[in-house]
Amino acid sequence: MIKSISYWSLQNGLEGTGPIEESLLQAKSHNFKGVELAIAETGVLTPGSDEATCRRYRSLGEKHGMAIETLASGMTWGCSPSDLDPAVRRKSIDLHKAAIQRAAWLGAKSMLFIPGAIRIPWVPTYKQVPYQQALEWARHAVQALAPIAQQNKIELCLEIVWNGMFYSPVEFAAFVDSFQSDWVGVYFDVGNVMGFEQDPAHWIDYLGKRIRRVHLKDFKRDLRNMSGFCDLLAGDVNWPEVMKSLKAIHYNKTLVAEMIPADDAILAKTSAALDKIMSL
């Protein structure tokens, strides 16, 4: 498995303004082997970034020996494919079509995509969407993006991020399977399902080969809200069972730690914790 860190965990990454080379070097200095870059409507990597810029970022990864296998999109939070406004839904699909192309230019193999939201806890202005309607629009978005992903040979990896959808691995698996595409899979976040009073290892066991990429976060169950997310190994995730389940499905790709906000102390602690987790 490849020890990796999210661009959002690096200096000015969450704002999208951290220079890519500086970000790669910061990650490398803390013994990470890969960085998950992130695309946003503004910043150093956007849906409007040209091919030359993306290929330069790809070359920087190769120059510094840092894997850039995945691209994350958080654009759903500001432009959801399940928004009540049809203009916003159309814009979201267009943005993510462009993002898939940028992922290909970067030399990435997978892109994180959040297919919709019923409610976004940290965006109070987001108007709640009826579940069935959100599901329909999420399905439409994935159907629109899957052919673009296949054309560009980018795995479209769907993730649940406390967005009010898919509280069961059974439901999530059925949604992914419904597209009957080898280019649509799961981006599984270990910490996110802890808030559902569920065990991430059980999700891994059920989702199996649908899991194409993995995010690592830890969570303290007794807090039961966003403040429950904590340093790796400081929460209630059963890491030996998680690693056992990942090995059982023969997962051998990136393990991307996603720790926010960024600072050198967190990076050092995360790197050391990830070494321990990967040794299990």
Protein backbone atom coordinates (compact mmCIF):
# COMPACT_ATOMS: atom_id res chain seq x y z
CA MET A 1 0.00 0.00 0.00
CA ILE A 2 1.14 3.55 -0.70
CA LYS A 3 1.50 5.87 2.31
CA SER A 4 -0.23 9.08 1.16
CA ILE A 5 -1.55 12.39 2.44
CA SER A 6 -4.32 14.67 1.23
CA TYR A 7 -3.42 18.02 -0.31
CA TRP A 8 -6.05 19.44 2.06
CA SER A 9 -3.80 18.37 4.94
CA LEU A 10 -0.85 20.40 3.65
CA GLN A 11 -0.08 24.09 4.09
CA ASN A 12 -2.74 26.23 2.36
CA GLY A 13 -4.14 23.09 0.73
CA LEU A 14 -7.66 23.47 2.07
CA GLU A 15 -7.76 26.95 0.55
CA GLY A 16 -6.47 25.54 -2.73
CA THR A 17 -3.58 27.99 -2.83
CA GLY A 18 -0.63 25.84 -1.73
CA PRO A 19 1.87 25.64 -4.62
CA ILE A 20 1.97 22.05 -5.87
CA GLU A 21 5.75 21.63 -5.71
CA GLU A 22 5.90 23.00 -2.17
CA SER A 23 3.07 20.66 -1.18
CA LEU A 24 4.84 17.64 -2.65
CA LEU A 25 8.05 18.54 -0.85
CA GLN A 26 6.24 19.13 2.44
CA ALA A 27 4.67 15.69 2.20
CA LYS A 28 7.95 14.09 1.20
CA SER A 29 9.74 15.69 4.15
CA HIS A 30 7.33 13.83 6.44
CA ASN A 31 8.01 10.51 4.69
CA PHE A 32 4.82 10.25 2.68
CA LYS A 33 5.12 8.51 -0.67
CA GLY A 34 2.15 10.10 -2.37
CA VAL A 35 -0.14 13.14 -2.35
CA GLU A 36 -3.81 13.22 -3.25
CA LEU A 37 -4.20 16.48 -5.15
CA ALA A 38 -7.49 18.39 -4.92
CA ILE A 39 -9.44 20.33 -7.51
CA ALA A 40 -11.64 23.34 -6.74
CA GLU A 41 -13.37 26.16 -8.57
CA THR A 42 -10.55 28.49 -7.51
CA GLY A 43 -6.91 27.91 -6.65
CA VAL A 44 -3.85 26.31 -8.23
CA LEU A 45 -5.82 23.41 -9.74
CA THR A 46 -9.27 24.08 -11.17
CA PRO A 47 -11.60 22.68 -13.85
CA GLY A 48 -10.15 25.42 -16.06
CA SER A 49 -6.49 24.45 -15.59
CA ASP A 50 -4.93 23.78 -18.97
CA GLU A 51 -3.22 20.57 -20.07
CA ALA A 52 0.27 22.06 -19.85
CA THR A 53 -0.27 23.06 -16.21
CA CYS A 54 -1.58 19.62 -15.26
CA ARG A 55 1.27 17.85 -17.03
CA ARG A 56 3.75 20.12 -15.24
CA TYR A 57 2.25 19.06 -11.91
CA ARG A 58 2.53 15.46 -13.05
CA SER A 59 6.21 16.00 -13.89
CA LEU A 60 6.82 17.51 -10.45
CA GLY A 61 5.45 14.38 -8.84
CA GLU A 62 7.74 12.24 -10.95
CA LYS A 63 10.71 14.54 -10.26
CA HIS A 64 10.30 14.24 -6.51
CA GLY A 65 9.32 10.58 -6.49
CA MET A 66 5.81 11.30 -5.17
CA ALA A 67 2.85 9.31 -6.43
CA ILE A 68 -0.15 11.31 -7.67
CA GLU A 69 -2.62 8.49 -8.13
CA THR A 70 -5.79 10.22 -6.97
CA LEU A 71 -7.58 13.53 -7.36
CA ALA A 72 -10.15 14.73 -4.82
CA SER A 73 -13.06 17.02 -5.58
CA GLY A 74 -14.86 18.89 -2.83
CA MET A 75 -16.82 20.92 -5.35
CA THR A 76 -20.06 19.20 -4.36
CA TRP A 77 -20.13 21.27 -1.16
CA GLY A 78 -20.46 24.50 -3.12
CA CYS A 79 -22.11 23.12 -6.23
CA SER A 80 -24.01 19.94 -5.54
CA PRO A 81 -25.22 17.56 -8.24
CA SER A 82 -28.35 17.08 -6.11
CA ASP A 83 -29.07 20.77 -5.49
CA LEU A 84 -32.71 21.86 -5.70
CA ASP A 85 -31.70 24.33 -8.43
CA PRO A 86 -31.39 22.59 -11.82
CA ALA A 87 -28.84 25.17 -12.99
CA VAL A 88 -26.57 24.24 -10.08
CA ARG A 89 -26.98 20.54 -10.87
CA ARG A 90 -25.98 21.10 -14.49
CA LYS A 91 -22.99 23.22 -13.47
CA SER A 92 -21.83 20.54 -11.02
CA ILE A 93 -21.84 17.87 -13.72
CA ASP A 94 -19.95 20.15 -16.10
CA LEU A 95 -17.36 20.97 -13.43
CA HIS A 96 -16.78 17.31 -12.69
CA LYS A 97 -16.56 16.35 -16.35
CA ALA A 98 -13.73 18.88 -16.63
CA ALA A 99 -12.20 17.56 -13.40
CA ILE A 100 -12.02 14.03 -14.83
CA GLN A 101 -10.09 15.36 -17.82
CA ARG A 102 -7.66 17.14 -15.49
CA ALA A 103 -7.20 13.94 -13.50
CA ALA A 104 -6.16 12.17 -16.70
CA TRP A 105 -3.68 14.93 -17.58
CA LEU A 106 -2.23 14.67 -14.07
CA GLY A 107 -1.60 10.98 -14.62
CA ALA A 108 -4.00 10.06 -11.81
CA LYS A 109 -5.93 6.81 -11.85
CA SER A 110 -8.94 7.68 -9.68
CA MET A 111 -11.07 10.70 -8.77
CA LEU A 112 -13.12 11.18 -5.63
CA PHE A 113 -16.66 12.32 -6.35
CA ILE A 114 -19.44 13.02 -3.86
CA PRO A 115 -22.58 12.32 -5.90
CA GLY A 116 -24.96 14.50 -3.92
CA ALA A 117 -26.22 15.57 -0.53
CA ILE A 118 -29.50 15.66 1.31
CA ARG A 119 -28.01 17.93 3.92
CA ILE A 120 -24.54 19.43 4.41
CA PRO A 121 -23.91 20.05 8.13
CA TRP A 122 -21.14 22.60 7.56
CA VAL A 123 -23.03 24.54 4.84
CA PRO A 124 -26.05 26.03 6.65
CA THR A 125 -27.31 27.74 3.49
CA TYR A 126 -27.72 24.41 1.68
CA LYS A 127 -31.43 23.66 1.35
CA GLN A 128 -32.34 20.14 2.43
CA VAL A 129 -33.30 17.82 -0.43
CA PRO A 130 -35.85 14.98 -0.16
CA TYR A 131 -34.03 11.63 -0.06
CA GLN A 132 -35.67 10.08 -3.12
CA GLN A 133 -35.07 13.24 -5.16
CA ALA A 134 -31.42 13.43 -4.08
CA LEU A 135 -30.96 9.79 -5.02
CA GLU A 136 -32.45 10.35 -8.47
CA TRP A 137 -30.24 13.36 -9.15
CA ALA A 138 -27.15 11.61 -7.79
CA ARG A 139 -27.85 8.71 -10.14
CA HIS A 140 -28.23 11.11 -13.06
CA ALA A 141 -24.88 12.73 -12.21
CA VAL A 142 -23.01 9.44 -12.08
CA GLN A 143 -24.64 8.30 -15.33
CA ALA A 144 -23.43 11.51 -16.97
CA LEU A 145 -19.89 11.19 -15.62
CA ALA A 146 -19.27 7.45 -15.99
CA PRO A 147 -18.72 7.53 -19.79
CA ILE A 148 -16.29 10.44 -19.39
CA ALA A 149 -14.44 8.50 -16.69
CA GLN A 150 -14.22 5.43 -18.94
CA GLN A 151 -13.06 7.49 -21.89
CA ASN A 152 -10.26 9.00 -19.79
CA LYS A 153 -9.49 5.75 -17.93
CA ILE A 154 -10.18 7.37 -14.55
CA GLU A 155 -12.00 5.44 -11.83
CA LEU A 156 -14.96 7.50 -10.61
CA CYS A 157 -14.83 6.78 -6.87
CA LEU A 158 -17.99 7.66 -4.95
CA GLU A 159 -17.65 8.69 -1.32
CA ILE A 160 -20.08 9.34 1.51
CA VAL A 161 -19.13 12.27 3.72
CA TRP A 162 -21.90 12.89 6.25
CA ASN A 163 -24.11 14.07 3.40
CA GLY A 164 -27.30 12.35 4.57
CA MET A 165 -27.11 9.51 2.04
CA PHE A 166 -26.16 5.83 2.11
CA TYR A 167 -26.12 4.86 5.77
CA SER A 168 -25.76 1.19 4.90
CA PRO A 169 -23.09 -0.67 2.90
CA VAL A 170 -25.94 -2.70 1.39
CA GLU A 171 -27.59 0.42 -0.03
CA PHE A 172 -24.29 1.91 -1.14
CA ALA A 173 -23.22 -1.29 -2.89
CA ALA A 174 -26.56 -1.51 -4.71
CA PHE A 175 -26.19 2.10 -5.90
CA VAL A 176 -22.68 1.49 -7.23
CA ASP A 177 -23.65 -1.81 -8.86
CA SER A 178 -26.61 -0.21 -10.63
CA PHE A 179 -24.27 1.54 -13.08
CA GLN A 180 -22.78 -1.75 -14.28
CA SER A 181 -19.49 0.00 -14.99
CA ASP A 182 -15.96 -1.08 -14.15
CA TRP A 183 -15.16 2.64 -13.95
CA VAL A 184 -17.54 3.39 -11.05
CA GLY A 185 -16.44 2.30 -7.60
CA VAL A 186 -16.20 3.31 -3.96
CA TYR A 187 -13.84 5.72 -2.23
CA PHE A 188 -14.10 4.34 1.30
CA ASP A 189 -13.42 6.64 4.25
CA VAL A 190 -12.70 4.66 7.41
CA GLY A 191 -13.61 7.47 9.81
CA ASN A 192 -16.83 8.63 8.18
CA VAL A 193 -18.89 5.54 8.97
CA MET A 194 -17.89 5.63 12.66
CA GLY A 195 -20.48 8.37 13.17
CA PHE A 196 -23.18 5.94 12.03
CA GLU A 197 -22.54 3.63 15.02
CA GLN A 198 -21.09 1.12 12.56
CA ASP A 199 -17.79 -0.68 12.11
CA PRO A 200 -15.64 0.30 9.11
CA ALA A 201 -14.21 -3.23 8.83
CA HIS A 202 -17.74 -4.54 8.27
CA TRP A 203 -18.26 -2.02 5.47
CA ILE A 204 -14.99 -3.12 3.86
CA ASP A 205 -16.03 -6.77 4.11
CA TYR A 206 -19.36 -6.04 2.41
CA LEU A 207 -18.18 -3.58 -0.24
CA GLY A 208 -15.20 -5.74 -1.15
CA LYS A 209 -13.72 -5.13 -4.59
CA ARG A 210 -16.01 -2.15 -5.11
CA ILE A 211 -13.52 -0.24 -2.95
CA ARG A 212 -11.03 1.41 -5.28
CA ARG A 213 -9.46 3.93 -2.89
CA VAL A 214 -9.26 4.46 0.87
CA HIS A 215 -9.21 7.54 3.11
CA LEU A 216 -8.00 7.26 6.69
CA LYS A 217 -9.46 9.27 9.56
CA ASP A 218 -10.09 8.36 13.18
CA PHE A 219 -13.15 9.16 15.27
CA LYS A 220 -14.20 9.24 18.93
CA ARG A 221 -17.64 7.66 19.14
CA ASP A 222 -18.74 9.36 22.37
CA LEU A 223 -18.62 12.84 20.78
CA ARG A 224 -21.09 11.89 17.99
CA ASN A 225 -20.51 15.04 15.92
CA MET A 226 -17.88 16.67 13.72
CA SER A 227 -15.63 17.25 16.73
CA GLY A 228 -15.31 13.47 17.02
CA PHE A 229 -12.71 13.38 14.24
CA CYS A 230 -9.26 13.15 15.79
CA ASP A 231 -5.64 12.15 15.21
CA LEU A 232 -5.02 8.69 13.81
CA LEU A 233 -4.80 6.12 16.64
CA ALA A 234 -6.45 8.58 19.06
CA GLY A 235 -10.01 7.45 18.36
CA ASP A 236 -12.10 4.29 18.38
CA VAL A 237 -11.33 2.84 14.96
CA ASN A 238 -10.27 -0.80 15.30
CA TRP A 239 -7.23 -0.49 13.06
CA PRO A 240 -6.11 -4.14 13.24
CA GLU A 241 -9.54 -5.22 11.96
CA VAL A 242 -9.57 -2.51 9.28
CA MET A 243 -6.20 -3.61 7.95
CA LYS A 244 -7.19 -7.27 8.14
CA SER A 245 -10.30 -6.53 6.05
CA LEU A 246 -8.36 -4.46 3.50
CA LYS A 247 -5.84 -7.27 3.08
CA ALA A 248 -8.67 -9.79 2.73
CA ILE A 249 -9.98 -7.92 -0.34
CA HIS A 250 -6.39 -7.61 -1.63
CA TYR A 251 -6.38 -3.82 -1.47
CA ASN A 252 -2.85 -2.63 -2.28
CA LYS A 253 -3.22 0.96 -3.48
CA THR A 254 -3.11 4.35 -1.75
CA LEU A 255 -3.96 4.90 1.90
CA VAL A 256 -4.66 8.64 2.03
CA ALA A 257 -4.67 10.27 5.45
CA GLU A 258 -7.05 13.22 5.50
CA MET A 259 -6.24 15.42 8.50
CA ILE A 260 -7.60 18.97 8.77
CA PRO A 261 -6.48 21.65 9.62
CA ALA A 262 -2.90 21.44 8.44
CA ASP A 263 0.22 22.00 10.51
CA ASP A 264 3.64 20.37 10.80
CA ALA A 265 2.80 18.77 14.14
CA ILE A 266 -0.21 17.02 12.66
CA LEU A 267 1.80 15.85 9.65
CA ALA A 268 4.52 14.39 11.87
CA LYS A 269 2.00 12.61 14.09
CA THR A 270 0.02 11.38 11.10
CA SER A 271 3.10 10.00 9.38
CA ALA A 272 4.17 8.10 12.49
CA ALA A 273 0.64 6.80 13.10
CA LEU A 274 0.26 5.69 9.49
CA ASP A 275 3.51 3.72 9.74
CA LYS A 276 2.06 1.85 12.72
CA ILE A 277 -1.26 1.23 10.98
CA MET A 278 0.41 -0.05 7.82
CA SER A 279 2.55 -2.43 9.87
CA LEU A 280 -0.51 -4.20 11.32
